[in-house]
Protein backbone atom coordinates (compact mmCIF):
# COMPACT_ATOMS: atom_id res chain seq x y z
CA MET A 1 10.85 3.64 -5.18
CA ALA A 2 9.37 1.61 -8.10
CA LEU A 3 5.51 2.48 -7.52
CA SER A 4 7.05 6.74 -6.91
CA ALA A 5 8.40 5.83 -10.74
CA LEU A 6 5.63 4.26 -11.82
CA ALA A 7 3.26 7.36 -11.10
CA ASP A 8 6.10 9.37 -12.65
CA ASP A 9 6.07 7.56 -15.81
CA LEU A 10 1.80 6.82 -15.63
CA GLY A 11 1.82 10.89 -14.85
CA PHE A 12 0.83 10.92 -11.59
CA SER A 13 3.59 12.16 -9.59
CA ASP A 14 1.17 14.41 -8.49
CA SER A 15 -0.86 11.37 -6.63
CA ALA A 16 2.16 9.90 -4.62
CA PRO A 17 2.42 12.12 -2.13
CA ALA A 18 -1.11 11.18 -1.22
CA ILE A 19 -0.10 7.77 -1.44
CA PHE A 20 2.99 7.40 0.73
CA GLY A 21 1.23 10.09 2.91
CA ALA A 22 -1.28 8.25 3.67
CA THR A 23 -2.07 6.75 7.36
CA ARG A 24 -5.97 5.18 6.72
CA GLN A 25 -6.92 2.99 4.00
CA GLU A 26 -9.31 4.06 2.94
CA ASP A 27 -6.87 7.52 1.71
CA LEU A 28 -5.62 4.43 0.20
CA PHE A 29 -8.66 3.60 -1.67
CA GLU A 30 -9.71 7.58 -2.03
CA VAL A 31 -6.30 8.09 -4.78
CA GLU A 32 -6.74 4.50 -6.18
CA ARG A 33 -10.86 5.33 -7.07
CA LYS A 34 -9.50 8.87 -8.52
CA THR A 35 -7.00 7.27 -10.72
CA VAL A 36 -8.91 4.80 -11.87
CA ALA A 37 -11.84 7.54 -12.63
CA SER A 38 -10.21 8.33 -15.36
CA TYR A 39 -9.39 5.23 -17.03
CA ARG A 40 -5.84 6.06 -17.66
CA VAL A 41 -5.08 3.06 -15.40
CA ILE A 42 -7.01 -0.55 -15.28
CA PRO A 43 -6.79 -2.31 -13.22
CA VAL A 44 -5.50 -5.86 -13.62
CA ALA A 45 -5.61 -8.29 -10.93
CA HIS A 46 -8.02 -8.30 -7.38
CA LEU A 47 -6.47 -8.70 -4.41
CA PRO A 48 -9.20 -10.22 -1.93
CA GLN A 49 -7.46 -8.62 1.00
CA VAL A 50 -5.60 -6.34 2.03
CA LEU A 51 -3.60 -5.25 5.69
CA TRP A 52 -2.85 -2.30 7.10
CA LEU A 53 0.64 -2.59 9.86
CA SER A 54 1.16 0.02 12.12
CA GLY A 55 5.03 1.29 11.23
CA SER A 56 6.16 -0.13 14.52
CA VAL A 57 5.67 -3.31 13.58
CA HIS A 58 9.35 -5.09 12.63
CA ASN A 59 9.48 -8.67 10.91
CA TRP A 60 6.29 -9.86 9.73
CA GLN A 61 6.15 -11.34 7.08
CA GLN A 62 2.71 -13.54 4.64
CA LEU A 63 3.91 -16.53 3.78
CA VAL A 64 2.09 -17.91 0.00
CA ASN A 65 -0.42 -19.90 1.03
CA GLY A 66 -1.37 -16.34 3.68
CA ALA A 67 -0.30 -18.17 6.43
CA TRP A 68 1.75 -14.97 9.22
CA GLN A 69 5.24 -16.16 9.89
CA LEU A 70 5.28 -14.32 13.65
CA ASP A 71 7.87 -15.85 15.44
CA GLN A 72 10.01 -12.72 13.99
CA LEU A 73 8.03 -9.88 14.06
CA TRP A 74 7.62 -7.18 16.59
CA VAL A 75 6.03 -4.09 17.84
CA GLU A 76 7.70 -1.00 18.83
CA GLY A 77 7.26 0.12 21.98
CA ALA A 78 6.08 4.57 22.34
CA ARG A 79 8.57 6.94 22.60
């Protein structure tokens, strides 16, 4: 994965499990805060919207204009 390779290149390979294992949006924000605090990574872009989807959501697509294309979306039921 590109994110894992980038974490290795920047010396943050110990952060990768926290990133990939995050189950809440707040967990990712905490990893980001710690990464930026060292000033080894400086953000150059801001995403004005964060989307967090359950692993049971499939075929979700967002169009370039920000609209959601829901006609192919489906949600996996409980097992």
